[in-house]
Amino acid sequence: MTDRTAGGEPVRVLVKAMAVLDLLAESNEQMSLGDIAARLDLNKSTCHRILSTLASEDFVERPSAGTYRLGVGAFRIGSAMARRMGVRERALPAMQDLYRATGETVFLLVPHGDEAVCVERLDGRYAATHTLRVGGVLPLHLGAGPRLLLASLPAEQREAYFAGPFARRVVPGLREDALRAQVDRILEDGYAFSEDDVETGVSALSAAVRDHTGSVVAALSLSGLSAHLPSEERPDQLRVLFDAARSASRALGYRGGP
C-alpha cells in the first residue's frame, strides 16, 4: 500500500501521512496539531503541511481552530474496503496455514441469529467423520465454534439465548448451569473446547476472529478425531490455532492485542 521510489524506498511523506491517519483513526476525540506532532515525533511545520493536504481532500476535518479529526474522505475509503472484506476471503489464507500445520479439518463459522453458519471448511484427516458442511448450521450451544460465538455475545444477548432458543430445545446431557460454566471458561481462557458434542469421538478447539472494530465476527475451529487432539498436545495445538486466528483478524483490520 505504501508508495515507493524506483529504488524501493518508501516515499517518506506518504508514510508520515498514513501515520497521521492511523493516529486520528485510533483517537475518539479531536487532536491538536501539537498533540499529533508530539505523538508521531514530527516537526510541527511538517505535520501542519500534511494535515492541510489531507484536509484539502476531506481525509481530515477541522472541527475547531487548531484541532483535527478523521474526515469523511477516510470514511469513504474505509467503507469501500469494508464492503470488499468478506470474512471468508480474508480468513482463508490463515485457515490454509492452520490446515498445513495440523493436517486436521478446519472450519470457519459466523453467527447468524441464534445459530452458527459454516462458511468454509478445509478437509483434513478422516474428514468423513465431520457432518457439518459449508452452509450448514449449528445452534450456538453445540460445538466449540458455536459456543465461542455464544460466549462472545454481549451479556444481555447471551441471557436472551439462554431464556429463549436454549430453553426451547431439548439438549440431552447438557444442563443450563453446565453451559454457563463452559461459557465462563471460554471467556477466561480465550478459546473453546468440545468433545463428542457434534460427533462421537471427535474433538474441536476454537478461537475468535475479530474485525477492525475488535468485534468477534467468526470462530476458527480445528477439529479431528479425539485421538489426534490429545490433551497433552493442547499447548501446541492452541499455539497454531491462536496464530491462525490472529492472522485472520489482522487480515480483517484488527490491530489490538491477543
C-alpha atoms as a PDB file:
ATOM      1  CA  MET A   1       0.000   0.000   0.000  1.00  0.00           C
ATOM      2  CA  THR A   2       2.984   2.308   0.675  1.00  0.00           C
ATOM      3  CA  ASP A   3       4.160   4.260  -2.393  1.00  0.00           C
ATOM      4  CA  ARG A   4       7.824   3.621  -3.193  1.00  0.00           C
ATOM      5  CA  THR A   5      10.538   5.185  -5.294  1.00  0.00           C
ATOM      6  CA  ALA A   6      12.300   3.330  -8.083  1.00  0.00           C
ATOM      7  CA  GLY A   7      14.935   2.251  -5.572  1.00  0.00           C
ATOM      8  CA  GLY A   8      12.324   0.554  -3.427  1.00  0.00           C
ATOM      9  CA  GLU A   9      12.396   3.102  -0.560  1.00  0.00           C
ATOM     10  CA  PRO A  10       9.073   4.363   0.834  1.00  0.00           C
ATOM     11  CA  VAL A  11       8.121   7.933  -0.038  1.00  0.00           C
ATOM     12  CA  ARG A  12       8.607   9.376   3.430  1.00  0.00           C
ATOM     13  CA  VAL A  13       5.883  11.991   3.354  1.00  0.00           C
ATOM     14  CA  LEU A  14       3.311   9.332   2.450  1.00  0.00           C
ATOM     15  CA  VAL A  15       4.472   7.163   5.335  1.00  0.00           C
ATOM     16  CA  LYS A  16       4.098  10.155   7.656  1.00  0.00           C
ATOM     17  CA  ALA A  17       0.656  10.966   6.258  1.00  0.00           C
ATOM     18  CA  MET A  18      -0.508   7.400   6.817  1.00  0.00           C
ATOM     19  CA  ALA A  19       0.826   7.563  10.389  1.00  0.00           C
ATOM     20  CA  VAL A  20      -1.272  10.713  10.936  1.00  0.00           C
ATOM     21  CA  LEU A  21      -4.384   8.983   9.600  1.00  0.00           C
ATOM     22  CA  ASP A  22      -3.738   5.921  11.755  1.00  0.00           C
ATOM     23  CA  LEU A  23      -3.375   8.076  14.851  1.00  0.00           C
ATOM     24  CA  LEU A  24      -6.573  10.004  14.179  1.00  0.00           C
ATOM     25  CA  ALA A  25      -8.400   6.738  13.456  1.00  0.00           C
ATOM     26  CA  GLU A  26      -7.405   5.396  16.876  1.00  0.00           C
ATOM     27  CA  SER A  27      -8.498   8.541  18.725  1.00  0.00           C
ATOM     28  CA  ASN A  28     -12.089   9.008  19.884  1.00  0.00           C
ATOM     29  CA  GLU A  29     -11.560  12.743  20.265  1.00  0.00           C
ATOM     30  CA  GLN A  30     -10.227  15.569  18.142  1.00  0.00           C
ATOM     31  CA  MET A  31      -6.495  16.241  18.493  1.00  0.00           C
ATOM     32  CA  SER A  32      -4.410  19.394  18.358  1.00  0.00           C
ATOM     33  CA  LEU A  33      -1.517  19.946  15.992  1.00  0.00           C
ATOM     34  CA  GLY A  34       0.887  19.827  18.916  1.00  0.00           C
ATOM     35  CA  ASP A  35      -0.514  16.522  20.195  1.00  0.00           C
ATOM     36  CA  ILE A  36      -0.270  14.888  16.770  1.00  0.00           C
ATOM     37  CA  ALA A  37       3.268  16.138  16.155  1.00  0.00           C
ATOM     38  CA  ALA A  38       4.413  15.022  19.614  1.00  0.00           C
ATOM     39  CA  ARG A  39       2.811  11.584  19.386  1.00  0.00           C
ATOM     40  CA  LEU A  40       4.403  10.918  15.992  1.00  0.00           C
ATOM     41  CA  ASP A  41       7.683  12.714  16.679  1.00  0.00           C
ATOM     42  CA  LEU A  42       7.104  15.067  13.735  1.00  0.00           C
ATOM     43  CA  ASN A  43       8.261  18.610  13.157  1.00  0.00           C
ATOM     44  CA  LYS A  44       5.246  20.894  13.693  1.00  0.00           C
ATOM     45  CA  SER A  45       5.565  22.606  10.323  1.00  0.00           C
ATOM     46  CA  THR A  46       5.805  19.248   8.530  1.00  0.00           C
ATOM     47  CA  CYS A  47       2.828  17.935  10.479  1.00  0.00           C
ATOM     48  CA  HIS A  48       0.820  21.068   9.617  1.00  0.00           C
ATOM     49  CA  ARG A  49       1.539  20.670   5.883  1.00  0.00           C
ATOM     50  CA  ILE A  50       0.467  17.027   5.988  1.00  0.00           C
ATOM     51  CA  LEU A  51      -2.749  17.866   7.851  1.00  0.00           C
ATOM     52  CA  SER A  52      -3.555  20.716   5.458  1.00  0.00           C
ATOM     53  CA  THR A  53      -3.077  18.441   2.442  1.00  0.00           C
ATOM     54  CA  LEU A  54      -5.233  15.702   3.979  1.00  0.00           C
ATOM     55  CA  ALA A  55      -7.891  18.269   4.877  1.00  0.00           C
ATOM     56  CA  SER A  56      -7.989  19.557   1.300  1.00  0.00           C
ATOM     57  CA  GLU A  57      -9.170  16.100   0.197  1.00  0.00           C
ATOM     58  CA  ASP A  58     -11.530  15.636   3.190  1.00  0.00           C
ATOM     59  CA  PHE A  59      -9.399  12.895   4.755  1.00  0.00           C
ATOM     60  CA  VAL A  60      -9.072  15.165   7.789  1.00  0.00           C
ATOM     61  CA  GLU A  61     -11.529  17.682   9.251  1.00  0.00           C
ATOM     62  CA  ARG A  62     -11.004  20.747  11.447  1.00  0.00           C
ATOM     63  CA  PRO A  63     -13.921  20.781  13.917  1.00  0.00           C
ATOM     64  CA  SER A  64     -12.437  23.857  15.625  1.00  0.00           C
ATOM     65  CA  ALA A  65      -9.420  26.106  15.204  1.00  0.00           C
ATOM     66  CA  GLY A  66      -6.203  24.153  15.677  1.00  0.00           C
ATOM     67  CA  THR A  67      -7.832  20.731  16.144  1.00  0.00           C
ATOM     68  CA  TYR A  68      -8.221  17.802  13.781  1.00  0.00           C
ATOM     69  CA  ARG A  69     -10.161  14.581  13.418  1.00  0.00           C
ATOM     70  CA  LEU A  70     -10.669  11.921  10.777  1.00  0.00           C
ATOM     71  CA  GLY A  71     -12.735  13.163   7.840  1.00  0.00           C
ATOM     72  CA  VAL A  72     -15.388  11.786   5.533  1.00  0.00           C
ATOM     73  CA  GLY A  73     -12.805  11.016   2.868  1.00  0.00           C
ATOM     74  CA  ALA A  74     -11.226   8.425   5.124  1.00  0.00           C
ATOM     75  CA  PHE A  75     -14.691   7.088   5.929  1.00  0.00           C
ATOM     76  CA  ARG A  76     -15.461   6.759   2.224  1.00  0.00           C
ATOM     77  CA  ILE A  77     -12.296   4.735   1.619  1.00  0.00           C
ATOM     78  CA  GLY A  78     -12.838   2.637   4.730  1.00  0.00           C
ATOM     79  CA  SER A  79     -16.434   1.881   3.822  1.00  0.00           C
ATOM     80  CA  ALA A  80     -15.444   0.767   0.331  1.00  0.00           C
ATOM     81  CA  MET A  81     -12.799  -1.512   1.812  1.00  0.00           C
ATOM     82  CA  ALA A  82     -15.226  -2.922   4.379  1.00  0.00           C
ATOM     83  CA  ARG A  83     -17.662  -3.872   1.614  1.00  0.00           C
ATOM     84  CA  ARG A  84     -14.922  -5.897  -0.032  1.00  0.00           C
ATOM     85  CA  MET A  85     -13.564  -7.515   3.119  1.00  0.00           C
ATOM     86  CA  GLY A  86     -15.577 -10.716   3.233  1.00  0.00           C
ATOM     87  CA  VAL A  87     -14.739 -12.708   6.331  1.00  0.00           C
ATOM     88  CA  ARG A  88     -14.294 -15.952   4.406  1.00  0.00           C
ATOM     89  CA  GLU A  89     -11.981 -14.483   1.792  1.00  0.00           C
ATOM     90  CA  ARG A  90      -9.870 -12.678   4.356  1.00  0.00           C
ATOM     91  CA  ALA A  91      -9.618 -15.654   6.717  1.00  0.00           C
ATOM     92  CA  LEU A  92      -8.919 -18.298   4.074  1.00  0.00           C
ATOM     93  CA  PRO A  93      -5.098 -17.911   3.957  1.00  0.00           C
ATOM     94  CA  ALA A  94      -4.932 -18.320   7.743  1.00  0.00           C
ATOM     95  CA  MET A  95      -7.178 -21.380   7.511  1.00  0.00           C
ATOM     96  CA  GLN A  96      -4.861 -22.887   4.915  1.00  0.00           C
ATOM     97  CA  ASP A  97      -1.860 -22.267   7.167  1.00  0.00           C
ATOM     98  CA  LEU A  98      -3.664 -23.977  10.058  1.00  0.00           C
ATOM     99  CA  TYR A  99      -4.565 -26.937   7.859  1.00  0.00           C
ATOM    100  CA  ARG A 100      -0.985 -27.313   6.644  1.00  0.00           C
ATOM    101  CA  ALA A 101       0.350 -27.128  10.199  1.00  0.00           C
ATOM    102  CA  THR A 102      -2.021 -29.759  11.625  1.00  0.00           C
ATOM    103  CA  GLY A 103      -3.495 -31.894   8.844  1.00  0.00           C
ATOM    104  CA  GLU A 104      -6.850 -31.684  10.632  1.00  0.00           C
ATOM    105  CA  THR A 105     -10.170 -30.313   9.416  1.00  0.00           C
ATOM    106  CA  VAL A 106     -10.549 -26.551   9.757  1.00  0.00           C
ATOM    107  CA  PHE A 107     -13.882 -24.741   9.988  1.00  0.00           C
ATOM    108  CA  LEU A 108     -14.873 -21.078   9.839  1.00  0.00           C
ATOM    109  CA  LEU A 109     -18.225 -20.261  11.423  1.00  0.00           C
ATOM    110  CA  VAL A 110     -20.056 -16.947  11.612  1.00  0.00           C
ATOM    111  CA  PRO A 111     -23.042 -16.009  13.788  1.00  0.00           C
ATOM    112  CA  HIS A 112     -26.458 -15.717  12.204  1.00  0.00           C
ATOM    113  CA  GLY A 113     -29.282 -15.107  14.634  1.00  0.00           C
ATOM    114  CA  ASP A 114     -29.393 -17.987  17.106  1.00  0.00           C
ATOM    115  CA  GLU A 115     -27.128 -20.224  15.040  1.00  0.00           C
ATOM    116  CA  ALA A 116     -23.587 -20.577  13.743  1.00  0.00           C
ATOM    117  CA  VAL A 117     -23.200 -20.958   9.980  1.00  0.00           C
ATOM    118  CA  CYS A 118     -20.238 -22.774   8.438  1.00  0.00           C
ATOM    119  CA  VAL A 119     -18.912 -20.542   5.652  1.00  0.00           C
ATOM    120  CA  GLU A 120     -15.740 -22.504   4.892  1.00  0.00           C
ATOM    121  CA  ARG A 121     -14.273 -25.932   5.579  1.00  0.00           C
ATOM    122  CA  LEU A 122     -10.899 -27.441   4.702  1.00  0.00           C
ATOM    123  CA  ASP A 123     -10.927 -31.225   4.931  1.00  0.00           C
ATOM    124  CA  GLY A 124      -8.205 -32.910   6.930  1.00  0.00           C
ATOM    125  CA  ARG A 125      -7.591 -36.468   8.062  1.00  0.00           C
ATOM    126  CA  TYR A 126     -10.742 -38.555   8.451  1.00  0.00           C
ATOM    127  CA  ALA A 127     -12.855 -35.635   7.216  1.00  0.00           C
ATOM    128  CA  ALA A 128     -15.754 -38.038   6.616  1.00  0.00           C
ATOM    129  CA  THR A 129     -16.339 -38.089  10.373  1.00  0.00           C
ATOM    130  CA  HIS A 130     -17.460 -34.440  10.227  1.00  0.00           C
ATOM    131  CA  THR A 131     -21.101 -33.917   9.316  1.00  0.00           C
ATOM    132  CA  LEU A 132     -21.047 -30.112   9.267  1.00  0.00           C
ATOM    133  CA  ARG A 133     -20.773 -28.897   5.687  1.00  0.00           C
ATOM    134  CA  VAL A 134     -20.371 -25.449   4.146  1.00  0.00           C
ATOM    135  CA  GLY A 135     -23.739 -23.741   4.531  1.00  0.00           C
ATOM    136  CA  GLY A 136     -24.683 -25.986   7.429  1.00  0.00           C
ATOM    137  CA  VAL A 137     -25.762 -24.581  10.768  1.00  0.00           C
ATOM    138  CA  LEU A 138     -25.402 -25.493  14.431  1.00  0.00           C
ATOM    139  CA  PRO A 139     -27.132 -23.999  17.473  1.00  0.00           C
ATOM    140  CA  LEU A 140     -24.895 -21.707  19.489  1.00  0.00           C
ATOM    141  CA  HIS A 141     -24.628 -24.176  22.378  1.00  0.00           C
ATOM    142  CA  LEU A 142     -23.395 -27.140  20.343  1.00  0.00           C
ATOM    143  CA  GLY A 143     -19.708 -27.479  19.460  1.00  0.00           C
ATOM    144  CA  ALA A 144     -16.578 -25.462  20.151  1.00  0.00           C
ATOM    145  CA  GLY A 145     -17.072 -22.843  17.419  1.00  0.00           C
ATOM    146  CA  PRO A 146     -20.727 -22.096  18.154  1.00  0.00           C
ATOM    147  CA  ARG A 147     -20.096 -21.893  21.909  1.00  0.00           C
ATOM    148  CA  LEU A 148     -17.231 -19.476  21.324  1.00  0.00           C
ATOM    149  CA  LEU A 149     -19.625 -17.273  19.350  1.00  0.00           C
ATOM    150  CA  LEU A 150     -22.179 -17.575  22.158  1.00  0.00           C
ATOM    151  CA  ALA A 151     -19.579 -16.524  24.724  1.00  0.00           C
ATOM    152  CA  SER A 152     -18.659 -13.536  22.529  1.00  0.00           C
ATOM    153  CA  LEU A 153     -22.173 -12.112  22.593  1.00  0.00           C
ATOM    154  CA  PRO A 154     -22.923  -9.168  24.889  1.00  0.00           C
ATOM    155  CA  ALA A 155     -24.213 -10.369  28.260  1.00  0.00           C
ATOM    156  CA  GLU A 156     -27.809  -9.378  27.572  1.00  0.00           C
ATOM    157  CA  GLN A 157     -27.845 -11.285  24.284  1.00  0.00           C
ATOM    158  CA  ARG A 158     -26.420 -14.368  25.979  1.00  0.00           C
ATOM    159  CA  GLU A 159     -29.150 -14.191  28.594  1.00  0.00           C
ATOM    160  CA  ALA A 160     -31.762 -13.891  25.861  1.00  0.00           C
ATOM    161  CA  TYR A 161     -30.320 -17.014  24.223  1.00  0.00           C
ATOM    162  CA  PHE A 162     -30.452 -18.982  27.476  1.00  0.00           C
ATOM    163  CA  ALA A 163     -34.031 -17.864  28.107  1.00  0.00           C
ATOM    164  CA  GLY A 164     -35.205 -18.413  24.529  1.00  0.00           C
ATOM    165  CA  PRO A 165     -33.553 -20.728  21.987  1.00  0.00           C
ATOM    166  CA  PHE A 166     -31.696 -22.849  24.535  1.00  0.00           C
ATOM    167  CA  ALA A 167     -34.688 -23.185  26.863  1.00  0.00           C
ATOM    168  CA  ARG A 168     -36.895 -24.283  23.954  1.00  0.00           C
ATOM    169  CA  ARG A 169     -34.522 -27.051  22.825  1.00  0.00           C
ATOM    170  CA  VAL A 170     -34.219 -30.457  24.404  1.00  0.00           C
ATOM    171  CA  VAL A 171     -30.494 -30.984  24.886  1.00  0.00           C
ATOM    172  CA  PRO A 172     -29.791 -34.440  26.343  1.00  0.00           C
ATOM    173  CA  GLY A 173     -26.931 -34.341  28.819  1.00  0.00           C
ATOM    174  CA  LEU A 174     -26.463 -30.554  28.714  1.00  0.00           C
ATOM    175  CA  ARG A 175     -27.904 -28.527  31.566  1.00  0.00           C
ATOM    176  CA  GLU A 176     -28.054 -24.763  31.599  1.00  0.00           C
ATOM    177  CA  ASP A 177     -25.671 -24.468  34.554  1.00  0.00           C
ATOM    178  CA  ALA A 178     -23.110 -26.635  32.741  1.00  0.00           C
ATOM    179  CA  LEU A 179     -23.371 -24.493  29.590  1.00  0.00           C
ATOM    180  CA  ARG A 180     -22.992 -21.314  31.621  1.00  0.00           C
ATOM    181  CA  ALA A 181     -19.863 -22.749  33.233  1.00  0.00           C
ATOM    182  CA  GLN A 182     -18.471 -23.543  29.777  1.00  0.00           C
ATOM    183  CA  VAL A 183     -19.175 -20.003  28.589  1.00  0.00           C
ATOM    184  CA  ASP A 184     -17.406 -18.583  31.647  1.00  0.00           C
ATOM    185  CA  ARG A 185     -14.423 -20.830  30.939  1.00  0.00           C
ATOM    186  CA  ILE A 186     -14.263 -19.659  27.316  1.00  0.00           C
ATOM    187  CA  LEU A 187     -14.280 -16.017  28.417  1.00  0.00           C
ATOM    188  CA  GLU A 188     -11.483 -16.733  30.883  1.00  0.00           C
ATOM    189  CA  ASP A 189      -9.317 -18.960  28.655  1.00  0.00           C
ATOM    190  CA  GLY A 190      -9.876 -17.242  25.307  1.00  0.00           C
ATOM    191  CA  TYR A 191     -10.759 -20.456  23.459  1.00  0.00           C
ATOM    192  CA  ALA A 192     -13.433 -23.150  23.358  1.00  0.00           C
ATOM    193  CA  PHE A 193     -13.045 -26.922  23.523  1.00  0.00           C
ATOM    194  CA  SER A 194     -15.589 -29.617  22.742  1.00  0.00           C
ATOM    195  CA  GLU A 195     -15.546 -33.395  22.729  1.00  0.00           C
ATOM    196  CA  ASP A 196     -18.281 -35.739  21.497  1.00  0.00           C
ATOM    197  CA  ASP A 197     -20.626 -32.772  21.006  1.00  0.00           C
ATOM    198  CA  VAL A 198     -21.428 -32.903  17.318  1.00  0.00           C
ATOM    199  CA  GLU A 199     -19.944 -36.324  16.516  1.00  0.00           C
ATOM    200  CA  THR A 200     -18.898 -39.069  18.885  1.00  0.00           C
ATOM    201  CA  GLY A 201     -15.134 -39.495  19.074  1.00  0.00           C
ATOM    202  CA  VAL A 202     -14.459 -36.051  17.613  1.00  0.00           C
ATOM    203  CA  SER A 203     -12.926 -33.079  19.438  1.00  0.00           C
ATOM    204  CA  ALA A 204     -12.545 -29.452  18.440  1.00  0.00           C
ATOM    205  CA  LEU A 205     -10.763 -26.292  19.521  1.00  0.00           C
ATOM    206  CA  SER A 206     -11.944 -22.833  18.509  1.00  0.00           C
ATOM    207  CA  ALA A 207     -10.578 -19.281  18.712  1.00  0.00           C
ATOM    208  CA  ALA A 208     -12.069 -15.914  17.854  1.00  0.00           C
ATOM    209  CA  VAL A 209     -11.590 -13.929  14.655  1.00  0.00           C
ATOM    210  CA  ARG A 210     -12.059 -10.178  15.150  1.00  0.00           C
ATOM    211  CA  ASP A 211     -12.676  -7.352  12.715  1.00  0.00           C
ATOM    212  CA  HIS A 212     -11.233  -3.844  12.655  1.00  0.00           C
ATOM    213  CA  THR A 213     -13.554  -2.750  15.491  1.00  0.00           C
ATOM    214  CA  GLY A 214     -12.426  -5.592  17.763  1.00  0.00           C
ATOM    215  CA  SER A 215     -15.758  -7.381  17.485  1.00  0.00           C
ATOM    216  CA  VAL A 216     -15.781 -11.167  17.182  1.00  0.00           C
ATOM    217  CA  VAL A 217     -17.092 -11.895  13.691  1.00  0.00           C
ATOM    218  CA  ALA A 218     -16.200 -15.570  13.308  1.00  0.00           C
ATOM    219  CA  ALA A 219     -14.948 -18.669  15.067  1.00  0.00           C
ATOM    220  CA  LEU A 220     -11.947 -20.501  13.637  1.00  0.00           C
ATOM    221  CA  SER A 221     -12.080 -24.168  14.609  1.00  0.00           C
ATOM    222  CA  LEU A 222      -9.651 -27.060  14.429  1.00  0.00           C
ATOM    223  CA  SER A 223     -11.396 -30.428  14.548  1.00  0.00           C
ATOM    224  CA  GLY A 224     -10.347 -34.063  14.371  1.00  0.00           C
ATOM    225  CA  LEU A 225     -10.577 -37.440  15.996  1.00  0.00           C
ATOM    226  CA  SER A 226     -10.077 -37.106  19.731  1.00  0.00           C
ATOM    227  CA  ALA A 227      -7.097 -39.437  19.469  1.00  0.00           C
ATOM    228  CA  HIS A 228      -5.442 -36.905  17.140  1.00  0.00           C
ATOM    229  CA  LEU A 229      -6.055 -33.978  19.525  1.00  0.00           C
ATOM    230  CA  PRO A 230      -4.832 -35.368  22.882  1.00  0.00           C
ATOM    231  CA  SER A 231      -4.814 -33.075  25.905  1.00  0.00           C
ATOM    232  CA  GLU A 232      -1.048 -33.371  26.367  1.00  0.00           C
ATOM    233  CA  GLU A 233      -0.572 -31.763  22.941  1.00  0.00           C
ATOM    234  CA  ARG A 234      -3.061 -28.974  23.561  1.00  0.00           C
ATOM    235  CA  PRO A 235      -0.493 -26.204  24.163  1.00  0.00           C
ATOM    236  CA  ASP A 236       0.964 -26.817  20.693  1.00  0.00           C
ATOM    237  CA  GLN A 237      -2.494 -27.095  19.153  1.00  0.00           C
ATOM    238  CA  LEU A 238      -3.568 -23.828  20.754  1.00  0.00           C
ATOM    239  CA  ARG A 239      -0.392 -22.089  19.653  1.00  0.00           C
ATOM    240  CA  VAL A 240      -1.014 -22.788  15.957  1.00  0.00           C
ATOM    241  CA  LEU A 241      -4.744 -22.101  16.348  1.00  0.00           C
ATOM    242  CA  PHE A 242      -4.134 -18.726  18.010  1.00  0.00           C
ATOM    243  CA  ASP A 243      -1.519 -17.843  15.386  1.00  0.00           C
ATOM    244  CA  ALA A 244      -4.061 -18.535  12.647  1.00  0.00           C
ATOM    245  CA  ALA A 245      -6.832 -16.620  14.424  1.00  0.00           C
ATOM    246  CA  ARG A 246      -4.527 -13.613  14.877  1.00  0.00           C
ATOM    247  CA  SER A 247      -3.543 -13.764  11.217  1.00  0.00           C
ATOM    248  CA  ALA A 248      -7.190 -13.876  10.116  1.00  0.00           C
ATOM    249  CA  SER A 249      -8.052 -10.999  12.460  1.00  0.00           C
ATOM    250  CA  ARG A 250      -5.223  -8.868  11.106  1.00  0.00           C
ATOM    251  CA  ALA A 251      -6.469  -9.556   7.595  1.00  0.00           C
ATOM    252  CA  LEU A 252      -9.785  -8.058   8.712  1.00  0.00           C
ATOM    253  CA  GLY A 253      -8.092  -4.951  10.079  1.00  0.00           C
ATOM    254  CA  TYR A 254      -7.788  -5.879  13.766  1.00  0.00           C
ATOM    255  CA  ARG A 255      -4.762  -4.247  15.402  1.00  0.00           C
ATOM    256  CA  GLY A 256      -5.443  -4.937  19.056  1.00  0.00           C
ATOM    257  CA  GLY A 257      -3.679  -7.223  21.495  1.00  0.00           C
ATOM    258  CA  PRO A 258      -4.044 -11.010  21.805  1.00  0.00           C
END
